[in-house]
N, C-alpha and C. Protein backbone atom coordinates (compact mmCIF):
# COMPACT_ATOMS: atom_id res chain seq x y z
N MET A 1 165.83 63.52 86.67
CA MET A 1 165.34 63.44 88.05
C MET A 1 163.96 64.10 88.12
N SER A 2 162.98 63.38 88.52
CA SER A 2 161.62 63.90 88.56
C SER A 2 161.35 64.66 89.86
N ARG A 3 160.57 65.73 89.65
CA ARG A 3 160.22 66.54 90.83
C ARG A 3 158.90 66.05 91.42
N ALA A 4 158.84 66.09 92.72
CA ALA A 4 157.61 65.65 93.40
C ALA A 4 156.51 66.68 93.18
N ARG A 5 155.38 66.22 92.81
CA ARG A 5 154.26 67.14 92.59
C ARG A 5 153.61 67.52 93.92
N SER A 6 153.38 68.84 94.03
CA SER A 6 152.70 69.29 95.26
C SER A 6 151.22 68.96 95.14
N PRO A 7 150.62 68.55 96.20
CA PRO A 7 149.20 68.18 96.15
C PRO A 7 148.32 69.39 95.84
N VAL A 8 147.32 69.22 94.99
CA VAL A 8 146.38 70.29 94.66
C VAL A 8 145.30 70.32 95.73
N ARG A 9 145.18 71.51 96.35
CA ARG A 9 144.23 71.62 97.45
C ARG A 9 143.05 72.49 97.04
N GLY A 10 141.83 72.00 97.20
CA GLY A 10 140.63 72.77 96.89
C GLY A 10 139.86 73.08 98.15
N PHE A 11 138.64 73.56 97.96
CA PHE A 11 137.79 73.86 99.11
C PHE A 11 137.16 72.56 99.62
N THR A 12 137.12 72.47 100.90
CA THR A 12 136.40 71.34 101.49
C THR A 12 134.91 71.66 101.50
N LEU A 13 134.11 70.67 101.68
CA LEU A 13 132.66 70.86 101.71
C LEU A 13 132.25 71.79 102.85
N ILE A 14 132.95 71.70 103.96
CA ILE A 14 132.62 72.56 105.11
C ILE A 14 132.95 74.01 104.79
N GLU A 15 134.12 74.25 104.18
CA GLU A 15 134.51 75.63 103.84
C GLU A 15 133.52 76.23 102.84
N LEU A 16 133.14 75.44 101.85
CA LEU A 16 132.19 75.92 100.86
C LEU A 16 130.83 76.24 101.49
N SER A 17 130.40 75.42 102.44
CA SER A 17 129.13 75.65 103.13
C SER A 17 129.17 76.94 103.94
N VAL A 18 130.32 77.18 104.58
CA VAL A 18 130.47 78.41 105.38
C VAL A 18 130.39 79.64 104.49
N VAL A 19 131.09 79.60 103.35
CA VAL A 19 131.09 80.74 102.43
C VAL A 19 129.67 81.01 101.90
N LEU A 20 128.98 79.95 101.52
CA LEU A 20 127.62 80.11 101.01
C LEU A 20 126.68 80.64 102.08
N SER A 21 126.87 80.20 103.32
CA SER A 21 126.03 80.67 104.42
C SER A 21 126.23 82.16 104.67
N VAL A 22 127.49 82.60 104.60
CA VAL A 22 127.80 84.03 104.80
C VAL A 22 127.18 84.86 103.68
N MET A 23 127.33 84.38 102.44
CA MET A 23 126.77 85.11 101.29
C MET A 23 125.25 85.18 101.40
N PHE A 24 124.63 84.10 101.82
CA PHE A 24 123.18 84.07 101.95
C PHE A 24 122.71 85.04 103.04
N THR A 25 123.48 85.13 104.12
CA THR A 25 123.14 86.06 105.21
C THR A 25 123.20 87.50 104.73
N PHE A 26 124.26 87.83 103.98
CA PHE A 26 124.40 89.19 103.45
C PHE A 26 123.27 89.50 102.46
N LEU A 27 122.87 88.52 101.69
CA LEU A 27 121.78 88.71 100.74
C LEU A 27 120.48 89.01 101.46
N LEU A 28 120.20 88.27 102.55
CA LEU A 28 118.99 88.51 103.31
C LEU A 28 118.99 89.90 103.94
N MET A 29 120.17 90.36 104.35
CA MET A 29 120.28 91.69 104.94
C MET A 29 120.07 92.78 103.89
N ALA A 30 120.46 92.51 102.64
CA ALA A 30 120.38 93.52 101.59
C ALA A 30 118.99 93.65 100.99
N ILE A 31 118.20 92.58 101.04
CA ILE A 31 116.89 92.60 100.40
C ILE A 31 115.99 93.73 100.93
N PRO A 32 115.84 93.92 102.26
CA PRO A 32 114.99 95.02 102.74
C PRO A 32 115.49 96.39 102.27
N SER A 33 116.81 96.59 102.24
CA SER A 33 117.36 97.87 101.80
C SER A 33 117.04 98.11 100.33
N PHE A 34 117.15 97.06 99.53
CA PHE A 34 116.87 97.19 98.10
C PHE A 34 115.38 97.46 97.88
N ALA A 35 114.53 96.80 98.65
CA ALA A 35 113.09 97.01 98.52
C ALA A 35 112.73 98.45 98.89
N GLY A 36 113.34 98.97 99.97
CA GLY A 36 113.10 100.35 100.37
C GLY A 36 113.57 101.33 99.32
N LEU A 37 114.70 101.00 98.68
CA LEU A 37 115.24 101.85 97.62
C LEU A 37 114.28 101.93 96.45
N ARG A 38 113.69 100.79 96.10
CA ARG A 38 112.73 100.77 95.00
C ARG A 38 111.47 101.57 95.35
N GLN A 39 111.02 101.47 96.60
CA GLN A 39 109.86 102.26 97.04
C GLN A 39 110.14 103.76 96.90
N ARG A 40 111.30 104.18 97.40
CA ARG A 40 111.66 105.60 97.36
C ARG A 40 111.79 106.10 95.93
N ALA A 41 112.41 105.29 95.07
CA ALA A 41 112.61 105.70 93.68
C ALA A 41 111.26 105.87 92.96
N ALA A 42 110.34 104.94 93.19
CA ALA A 42 109.03 105.02 92.55
C ALA A 42 108.27 106.26 93.03
N LEU A 43 108.32 106.52 94.33
CA LEU A 43 107.59 107.67 94.89
C LEU A 43 108.18 108.98 94.41
N ARG A 44 109.51 109.08 94.41
CA ARG A 44 110.15 110.31 93.91
C ARG A 44 109.80 110.55 92.45
N GLY A 45 109.80 109.49 91.65
CA GLY A 45 109.47 109.65 90.24
C GLY A 45 108.06 110.16 90.03
N ALA A 46 107.10 109.61 90.78
CA ALA A 46 105.71 110.04 90.66
C ALA A 46 105.53 111.48 91.14
N ALA A 47 106.20 111.83 92.24
CA ALA A 47 106.08 113.19 92.78
C ALA A 47 106.72 114.21 91.83
N ASP A 48 107.87 113.86 91.26
CA ASP A 48 108.53 114.75 90.30
C ASP A 48 107.65 114.97 89.07
N ALA A 49 107.02 113.90 88.60
CA ALA A 49 106.14 114.00 87.43
C ALA A 49 104.94 114.89 87.73
N THR A 50 104.40 114.79 88.94
CA THR A 50 103.25 115.61 89.34
C THR A 50 103.62 117.08 89.42
N LEU A 51 104.78 117.37 90.02
CA LEU A 51 105.23 118.75 90.12
C LEU A 51 105.53 119.33 88.73
N SER A 52 106.14 118.53 87.86
CA SER A 52 106.43 118.99 86.49
C SER A 52 105.13 119.28 85.75
N PHE A 53 104.13 118.45 85.98
CA PHE A 53 102.82 118.66 85.35
C PHE A 53 102.24 120.00 85.79
N TRP A 54 102.31 120.28 87.08
CA TRP A 54 101.79 121.55 87.60
C TRP A 54 102.53 122.73 86.97
N ASN A 55 103.84 122.67 86.92
CA ASN A 55 104.64 123.76 86.36
C ASN A 55 104.35 123.95 84.88
N GLU A 56 104.12 122.86 84.16
CA GLU A 56 103.78 122.95 82.74
C GLU A 56 102.44 123.66 82.57
N ALA A 57 101.48 123.35 83.44
CA ALA A 57 100.16 124.01 83.35
C ALA A 57 100.28 125.51 83.60
N ARG A 58 101.09 125.91 84.55
CA ARG A 58 101.31 127.35 84.81
C ARG A 58 101.93 128.03 83.59
N PHE A 59 102.90 127.37 82.99
CA PHE A 59 103.56 127.92 81.80
C PHE A 59 102.56 128.09 80.66
N GLU A 60 101.71 127.08 80.46
CA GLU A 60 100.73 127.14 79.38
C GLU A 60 99.70 128.25 79.62
N ALA A 61 99.36 128.51 80.88
CA ALA A 61 98.42 129.59 81.18
C ALA A 61 98.97 130.93 80.70
N VAL A 62 100.25 131.15 80.97
CA VAL A 62 100.90 132.40 80.54
C VAL A 62 101.04 132.43 79.02
N LYS A 63 101.50 131.32 78.46
CA LYS A 63 101.73 131.24 77.01
C LYS A 63 100.45 131.50 76.22
N ARG A 64 99.34 130.93 76.67
CA ARG A 64 98.07 131.07 75.96
C ARG A 64 97.26 132.28 76.42
N ASN A 65 97.70 132.87 77.53
CA ASN A 65 96.97 133.98 78.14
C ASN A 65 95.51 133.60 78.39
N GLN A 66 95.34 132.43 78.98
CA GLN A 66 94.01 131.91 79.30
C GLN A 66 94.01 131.29 80.69
N LEU A 67 92.83 131.27 81.30
CA LEU A 67 92.67 130.54 82.55
C LEU A 67 92.90 129.05 82.28
N VAL A 68 93.61 128.40 83.17
CA VAL A 68 93.86 126.96 83.03
C VAL A 68 93.47 126.27 84.33
N LYS A 69 92.63 125.25 84.21
CA LYS A 69 92.25 124.48 85.40
C LYS A 69 93.07 123.20 85.45
N VAL A 70 93.48 122.85 86.66
CA VAL A 70 94.28 121.64 86.88
C VAL A 70 93.59 120.82 87.95
N GLY A 71 93.38 119.55 87.67
CA GLY A 71 92.67 118.73 88.65
C GLY A 71 93.10 117.28 88.63
N VAL A 72 92.62 116.57 89.62
CA VAL A 72 92.86 115.13 89.75
C VAL A 72 91.54 114.42 89.53
N ARG A 73 91.59 113.35 88.77
CA ARG A 73 90.38 112.55 88.56
C ARG A 73 90.64 111.15 89.08
N THR A 74 89.72 110.62 89.86
CA THR A 74 89.89 109.30 90.45
C THR A 74 88.83 108.33 89.96
N SER A 75 89.14 107.04 90.11
CA SER A 75 88.19 105.98 89.74
C SER A 75 87.99 105.07 90.94
N PRO A 76 86.86 104.38 91.01
CA PRO A 76 86.59 103.49 92.15
C PRO A 76 87.64 102.41 92.36
N ASP A 77 88.35 102.03 91.29
CA ASP A 77 89.37 100.98 91.42
C ASP A 77 90.68 101.50 91.99
N GLY A 78 90.75 102.79 92.33
CA GLY A 78 91.95 103.36 92.92
C GLY A 78 92.87 104.03 91.91
N SER A 79 92.58 103.91 90.62
CA SER A 79 93.40 104.58 89.62
C SER A 79 93.12 106.08 89.64
N PHE A 80 94.08 106.86 89.18
CA PHE A 80 93.91 108.31 89.17
C PHE A 80 94.77 108.93 88.08
N CYS A 81 94.43 110.15 87.70
CA CYS A 81 95.21 110.85 86.67
C CYS A 81 95.12 112.35 86.90
N LEU A 82 96.00 113.07 86.23
CA LEU A 82 96.06 114.53 86.32
C LEU A 82 95.64 115.11 84.98
N GLY A 83 94.89 116.20 85.02
CA GLY A 83 94.46 116.82 83.78
C GLY A 83 94.53 118.33 83.86
N ALA A 84 94.85 118.97 82.73
CA ALA A 84 94.90 120.42 82.65
C ALA A 84 94.16 120.85 81.38
N ALA A 85 93.32 121.85 81.52
CA ALA A 85 92.53 122.32 80.38
C ALA A 85 92.26 123.81 80.50
N THR A 86 92.04 124.45 79.38
CA THR A 86 91.66 125.86 79.39
C THR A 86 90.21 125.99 79.86
N THR A 87 89.90 127.12 80.44
CA THR A 87 88.54 127.37 80.92
C THR A 87 88.26 128.87 80.86
N THR A 88 87.01 129.22 80.90
CA THR A 88 86.62 130.64 80.92
C THR A 88 86.00 131.03 82.26
N ASP A 89 85.94 130.06 83.16
CA ASP A 89 85.27 130.27 84.45
C ASP A 89 86.30 130.17 85.58
N GLU A 90 86.49 131.25 86.32
CA GLU A 90 87.45 131.26 87.43
C GLU A 90 87.05 130.31 88.54
N ALA A 91 85.77 129.97 88.60
CA ALA A 91 85.28 129.08 89.65
C ALA A 91 84.93 127.69 89.09
N ASP A 92 85.52 127.32 87.97
CA ASP A 92 85.26 126.02 87.35
C ASP A 92 85.52 124.91 88.36
N ALA A 93 84.51 124.09 88.63
CA ALA A 93 84.63 123.05 89.66
C ALA A 93 84.63 121.63 89.09
N THR A 94 84.80 121.51 87.78
CA THR A 94 84.78 120.19 87.14
C THR A 94 86.13 119.89 86.52
N PRO A 95 86.84 118.88 87.01
CA PRO A 95 88.14 118.54 86.40
C PRO A 95 87.93 117.99 85.00
N CYS A 96 88.88 118.25 84.09
CA CYS A 96 88.76 117.71 82.74
C CYS A 96 88.94 116.19 82.80
N ASP A 97 88.48 115.51 81.77
CA ASP A 97 88.50 114.05 81.74
C ASP A 97 89.86 113.54 81.25
N CYS A 98 90.74 113.24 82.22
CA CYS A 98 92.09 112.78 81.88
C CYS A 98 92.16 111.26 81.74
N THR A 99 91.03 110.58 81.85
CA THR A 99 91.03 109.12 81.78
C THR A 99 91.18 108.60 80.35
N ALA A 100 90.99 109.48 79.36
CA ALA A 100 91.11 109.07 77.96
C ALA A 100 91.78 110.19 77.17
N ALA A 101 92.45 109.82 76.09
CA ALA A 101 93.14 110.80 75.26
C ALA A 101 92.15 111.69 74.51
N ALA A 102 91.02 111.11 74.12
CA ALA A 102 90.01 111.87 73.38
C ALA A 102 88.62 111.56 73.90
N PRO A 103 88.28 112.07 75.08
CA PRO A 103 86.94 111.81 75.63
C PRO A 103 85.86 112.53 74.83
N ALA A 104 84.62 112.12 75.02
CA ALA A 104 83.51 112.72 74.27
C ALA A 104 83.31 114.18 74.64
N SER A 105 83.63 114.54 75.88
CA SER A 105 83.46 115.93 76.32
C SER A 105 84.48 116.25 77.41
N ASN A 106 84.63 117.55 77.67
CA ASN A 106 85.51 118.03 78.74
C ASN A 106 86.93 117.46 78.63
N ALA A 107 87.50 117.55 77.43
CA ALA A 107 88.84 117.01 77.19
C ALA A 107 89.91 117.86 77.86
N CYS A 108 91.01 117.25 78.20
CA CYS A 108 92.16 117.96 78.78
C CYS A 108 93.01 118.50 77.61
N ASP A 109 92.68 119.72 77.15
CA ASP A 109 93.33 120.24 75.95
C ASP A 109 94.72 120.81 76.20
N ILE A 110 95.16 120.85 77.45
CA ILE A 110 96.53 121.27 77.76
C ILE A 110 97.43 120.05 77.91
N ALA A 111 97.09 119.18 78.85
CA ALA A 111 97.91 117.99 79.09
C ALA A 111 97.16 117.03 79.99
N ARG A 112 97.58 115.76 79.94
CA ARG A 112 97.07 114.74 80.85
C ARG A 112 98.22 113.81 81.20
N TYR A 113 98.14 113.28 82.42
CA TYR A 113 99.18 112.34 82.88
C TYR A 113 98.55 111.35 83.86
N PRO A 114 98.89 110.08 83.76
CA PRO A 114 99.77 109.46 82.77
C PRO A 114 98.95 108.96 81.59
N SER A 115 99.64 108.50 80.54
CA SER A 115 98.93 107.88 79.42
C SER A 115 98.54 106.45 79.77
N SER A 116 99.27 105.87 80.74
CA SER A 116 98.97 104.53 81.24
C SER A 116 99.21 104.50 82.75
N GLN A 117 98.34 103.83 83.48
CA GLN A 117 98.48 103.77 84.94
C GLN A 117 99.80 103.13 85.37
N ALA A 118 100.40 102.34 84.50
CA ALA A 118 101.68 101.70 84.82
C ALA A 118 102.78 102.73 85.07
N GLU A 119 102.61 103.94 84.55
CA GLU A 119 103.62 104.99 84.73
C GLU A 119 103.72 105.45 86.17
N TRP A 120 102.68 105.19 86.98
CA TRP A 120 102.75 105.55 88.40
C TRP A 120 103.63 104.58 89.18
N ASN A 121 103.99 103.44 88.60
CA ASN A 121 104.83 102.45 89.28
C ASN A 121 104.27 102.05 90.64
N ARG A 122 102.96 101.82 90.68
CA ARG A 122 102.24 101.35 91.87
C ARG A 122 102.16 102.39 92.99
N VAL A 123 102.53 103.62 92.70
CA VAL A 123 102.32 104.71 93.66
C VAL A 123 100.83 105.02 93.69
N SER A 124 100.30 105.26 94.88
CA SER A 124 98.86 105.50 95.01
C SER A 124 98.58 106.92 95.49
N LEU A 125 97.35 107.34 95.27
CA LEU A 125 96.91 108.67 95.71
C LEU A 125 96.42 108.56 97.14
N ALA A 126 97.11 109.25 98.06
CA ALA A 126 96.75 109.17 99.49
C ALA A 126 95.72 110.21 99.88
N GLY A 127 95.71 111.34 99.18
CA GLY A 127 94.76 112.39 99.52
C GLY A 127 94.94 113.60 98.62
N VAL A 128 93.91 114.44 98.56
CA VAL A 128 93.96 115.68 97.79
C VAL A 128 93.28 116.77 98.61
N SER A 129 94.03 117.81 98.94
CA SER A 129 93.42 118.97 99.61
C SER A 129 93.48 120.18 98.68
N LEU A 130 94.19 120.06 97.56
CA LEU A 130 94.25 121.13 96.57
C LEU A 130 92.86 121.36 95.99
N GLY A 131 92.44 122.62 95.94
CA GLY A 131 91.10 122.93 95.44
C GLY A 131 90.04 122.87 96.52
N GLY A 132 90.47 122.76 97.78
CA GLY A 132 89.50 122.68 98.87
C GLY A 132 88.81 121.34 98.91
N THR A 133 89.42 120.33 98.30
CA THR A 133 88.81 119.00 98.24
C THR A 133 88.82 118.31 99.60
N THR A 134 87.74 117.64 99.91
CA THR A 134 87.67 116.87 101.15
C THR A 134 87.44 115.39 100.87
N SER A 135 87.14 115.04 99.63
CA SER A 135 86.84 113.65 99.28
C SER A 135 87.61 113.25 98.04
N LEU A 136 88.22 112.06 98.09
CA LEU A 136 88.94 111.56 96.93
C LEU A 136 87.98 111.16 95.81
N ALA A 137 86.72 110.94 96.16
CA ALA A 137 85.75 110.52 95.16
C ALA A 137 85.41 111.64 94.18
N SER A 138 85.51 112.89 94.63
CA SER A 138 85.15 114.02 93.75
C SER A 138 86.05 115.23 93.99
N PRO A 139 87.34 115.09 93.71
CA PRO A 139 88.25 116.23 93.91
C PRO A 139 87.96 117.36 92.94
N LYS A 140 88.09 118.59 93.42
CA LYS A 140 87.84 119.77 92.59
C LYS A 140 89.15 120.28 91.99
N PRO A 141 89.10 120.87 90.81
CA PRO A 141 90.31 121.45 90.22
C PRO A 141 90.61 122.82 90.80
N VAL A 142 91.79 123.33 90.51
CA VAL A 142 92.13 124.71 90.83
C VAL A 142 92.32 125.44 89.50
N VAL A 143 92.12 126.74 89.52
CA VAL A 143 92.25 127.53 88.29
C VAL A 143 93.43 128.49 88.43
N ILE A 144 94.26 128.54 87.39
CA ILE A 144 95.46 129.38 87.38
C ILE A 144 95.18 130.67 86.61
N ASP A 145 95.49 131.80 87.23
CA ASP A 145 95.36 133.10 86.61
C ASP A 145 96.56 133.31 85.67
N PRO A 146 96.35 133.57 84.38
CA PRO A 146 97.47 133.69 83.45
C PRO A 146 98.33 134.94 83.66
N LYS A 147 97.78 135.94 84.27
CA LYS A 147 98.52 137.20 84.45
C LYS A 147 99.60 137.07 85.52
N ARG A 148 99.23 136.41 86.61
CA ARG A 148 100.16 136.31 87.75
C ARG A 148 100.55 134.87 88.07
N THR A 149 100.02 133.92 87.35
CA THR A 149 100.25 132.48 87.55
C THR A 149 99.92 132.03 88.97
N MET A 150 99.06 132.76 89.65
CA MET A 150 98.64 132.37 90.99
C MET A 150 97.23 131.78 90.90
N LEU A 151 96.75 131.23 91.99
CA LEU A 151 95.42 130.65 92.01
C LEU A 151 94.37 131.75 91.99
N THR A 152 93.30 131.54 91.22
CA THR A 152 92.23 132.54 91.20
C THR A 152 91.53 132.63 92.54
N ASP A 153 91.53 131.52 93.29
CA ASP A 153 90.97 131.50 94.64
C ASP A 153 92.08 131.05 95.60
N PRO A 154 92.66 131.97 96.38
CA PRO A 154 93.75 131.61 97.29
C PRO A 154 93.39 130.49 98.26
N ALA A 155 92.10 130.36 98.56
CA ALA A 155 91.68 129.31 99.49
C ALA A 155 91.83 127.91 98.90
N ASP A 156 92.09 127.83 97.60
CA ASP A 156 92.25 126.53 96.94
C ASP A 156 93.64 125.93 97.12
N SER A 157 94.53 126.66 97.78
CA SER A 157 95.88 126.12 97.99
C SER A 157 95.80 124.83 98.81
N GLY A 158 96.72 123.92 98.57
CA GLY A 158 96.68 122.63 99.26
C GLY A 158 97.71 121.69 98.70
N ALA A 159 97.46 120.40 98.80
CA ALA A 159 98.46 119.42 98.39
C ALA A 159 97.83 118.21 97.72
N ILE A 160 98.64 117.56 96.90
CA ILE A 160 98.32 116.24 96.37
C ILE A 160 99.28 115.29 97.06
N SER A 161 98.75 114.34 97.82
CA SER A 161 99.57 113.43 98.62
C SER A 161 99.69 112.08 97.93
N LEU A 162 100.92 111.61 97.80
CA LEU A 162 101.20 110.35 97.13
C LEU A 162 101.84 109.36 98.11
N SER A 163 101.43 108.11 98.04
CA SER A 163 102.00 107.06 98.89
C SER A 163 102.85 106.12 98.07
N ALA A 164 103.96 105.68 98.65
CA ALA A 164 104.87 104.76 97.98
C ALA A 164 104.19 103.41 97.74
N PRO A 165 104.70 102.62 96.81
CA PRO A 165 104.16 101.28 96.59
C PRO A 165 104.19 100.46 97.88
N PRO A 166 103.33 99.48 98.02
CA PRO A 166 103.33 98.65 99.23
C PRO A 166 104.71 98.04 99.47
N GLY A 167 105.12 98.02 100.74
CA GLY A 167 106.42 97.48 101.06
C GLY A 167 106.73 97.65 102.54
N GLN A 168 108.02 97.63 102.85
CA GLN A 168 108.46 97.67 104.25
C GLN A 168 108.16 99.01 104.90
N PHE A 169 108.24 100.12 104.12
CA PHE A 169 108.06 101.45 104.68
C PHE A 169 106.83 102.14 104.09
N ALA A 170 106.20 103.00 104.87
CA ALA A 170 105.01 103.72 104.42
C ALA A 170 105.40 105.16 104.09
N TYR A 171 106.20 105.33 103.04
CA TYR A 171 106.64 106.66 102.63
C TYR A 171 105.48 107.44 102.02
N LYS A 172 105.50 108.76 102.23
CA LYS A 172 104.48 109.63 101.63
C LYS A 172 105.11 110.98 101.27
N LEU A 173 104.81 111.45 100.06
CA LEU A 173 105.29 112.76 99.61
C LEU A 173 104.11 113.64 99.22
N ASN A 174 104.23 114.92 99.49
CA ASN A 174 103.21 115.88 99.11
C ASN A 174 103.72 116.79 98.01
N VAL A 175 102.89 117.04 97.02
CA VAL A 175 103.15 118.10 96.05
C VAL A 175 102.26 119.25 96.50
N ARG A 176 102.88 120.22 97.14
CA ARG A 176 102.12 121.29 97.78
C ARG A 176 102.14 122.54 96.91
N VAL A 177 100.97 123.17 96.75
CA VAL A 177 100.83 124.39 95.96
C VAL A 177 100.31 125.50 96.85
N ASP A 178 101.04 126.62 96.91
CA ASP A 178 100.59 127.73 97.76
C ASP A 178 99.67 128.66 96.98
N ARG A 179 99.18 129.68 97.64
CA ARG A 179 98.19 130.60 97.04
C ARG A 179 98.76 131.36 95.85
N LEU A 180 100.10 131.48 95.80
CA LEU A 180 100.75 132.19 94.69
C LEU A 180 101.01 131.26 93.50
N GLY A 181 100.65 129.99 93.66
CA GLY A 181 100.83 129.04 92.57
C GLY A 181 102.17 128.34 92.57
N HIS A 182 102.98 128.58 93.58
CA HIS A 182 104.29 127.93 93.65
C HIS A 182 104.14 126.48 94.11
N GLY A 183 104.79 125.56 93.41
CA GLY A 183 104.74 124.15 93.78
C GLY A 183 105.99 123.73 94.52
N LEU A 184 105.84 122.83 95.47
CA LEU A 184 106.97 122.36 96.28
C LEU A 184 106.77 120.90 96.65
N LEU A 185 107.84 120.13 96.59
CA LEU A 185 107.81 118.75 97.06
C LEU A 185 108.26 118.71 98.51
N CYS A 186 107.49 118.06 99.36
CA CYS A 186 107.85 117.96 100.77
C CYS A 186 107.31 116.66 101.34
N GLN A 187 107.98 116.17 102.38
CA GLN A 187 107.54 114.93 103.00
C GLN A 187 106.41 115.21 103.98
N SER A 188 105.44 114.31 103.99
CA SER A 188 104.28 114.48 104.85
C SER A 188 104.68 114.49 106.33
N LEU A 189 104.05 115.37 107.09
CA LEU A 189 104.28 115.41 108.54
C LEU A 189 103.77 114.13 109.21
N ASN A 190 102.85 113.44 108.55
CA ASN A 190 102.29 112.22 109.11
C ASN A 190 103.12 110.99 108.76
N ASP A 191 104.21 111.18 108.05
CA ASP A 191 105.04 110.06 107.61
C ASP A 191 106.05 109.71 108.70
N THR A 192 106.01 108.48 109.17
CA THR A 192 106.94 108.05 110.22
C THR A 192 108.26 107.55 109.63
N ALA A 193 108.28 107.19 108.35
CA ALA A 193 109.50 106.73 107.68
C ALA A 193 110.11 107.93 106.96
N ARG A 194 111.31 108.33 107.38
CA ARG A 194 111.93 109.53 106.83
C ARG A 194 112.57 109.27 105.48
N LEU A 195 112.38 110.22 104.57
CA LEU A 195 113.04 110.19 103.27
C LEU A 195 114.26 111.09 103.34
N PRO A 196 115.47 110.52 103.26
CA PRO A 196 116.68 111.33 103.46
C PRO A 196 116.85 112.45 102.45
N ASP A 197 116.31 112.31 101.25
CA ASP A 197 116.50 113.32 100.21
C ASP A 197 115.84 114.65 100.53
N TYR A 198 114.87 114.65 101.44
CA TYR A 198 114.08 115.86 101.66
C TYR A 198 114.40 116.56 102.98
N GLY A 199 115.31 116.00 103.75
CA GLY A 199 115.78 116.67 104.96
C GLY A 199 114.65 117.19 105.83
N ASN A 200 114.64 118.50 106.03
CA ASN A 200 113.63 119.13 106.89
C ASN A 200 112.43 119.66 106.09
N ARG A 201 112.36 119.34 104.80
CA ARG A 201 111.23 119.78 104.00
C ARG A 201 110.03 118.91 104.28
N ARG A 202 109.31 119.25 105.32
CA ARG A 202 108.12 118.49 105.73
C ARG A 202 106.93 119.45 105.77
N CYS A 203 105.76 118.95 105.41
CA CYS A 203 104.59 119.82 105.37
C CYS A 203 103.33 119.01 105.63
N ALA A 204 102.27 119.71 105.94
CA ALA A 204 100.98 119.07 106.23
C ALA A 204 100.33 118.60 104.94
N ASP A 205 99.47 117.60 105.06
CA ASP A 205 98.76 117.07 103.89
C ASP A 205 97.64 118.00 103.43
N SER A 206 97.20 118.89 104.31
CA SER A 206 96.08 119.77 103.95
C SER A 206 96.48 121.23 104.04
């Protein structure tokens, strides 16, 4: 005695269209969140690298028992780098040449960052007030006293301001250095897009 076969039922074209439409809607909703996540991750990475660079320079000043100058060097195309070098002048106003690993003069004999601009992950330099700088075209370095790891000129305290890659939000983080040489990451007071990781840690760009 043969058993009747139950009909095999699949998705109808309408059901499949509805499912795809719902998935597509969720995808469109997720794209802005993912883009914002990538912006935040790139900015945090650049800010962490900048703060680590500063702390390394302070450590080297103590280790070598020498004055160490730390500065930012910019180019007309918007690229920038960080450099640290030993110096004998407490008022040294010339940043070392961090644009090359072995420049003809004024080499960064302590450290330079980055080795390639791609390491910034499209993060840009928004401003520099560290060193009493008022222009991005010619930022001045600060000098670290090896005895106390503080700035040789307290008036040079300030911040290096970084902007997130272009996208939905205009995030900005500051690497702020006080007169005692302490570095701190904080969100810019001028930033309208809040970074949840930093809570109430907000500070001025200058």
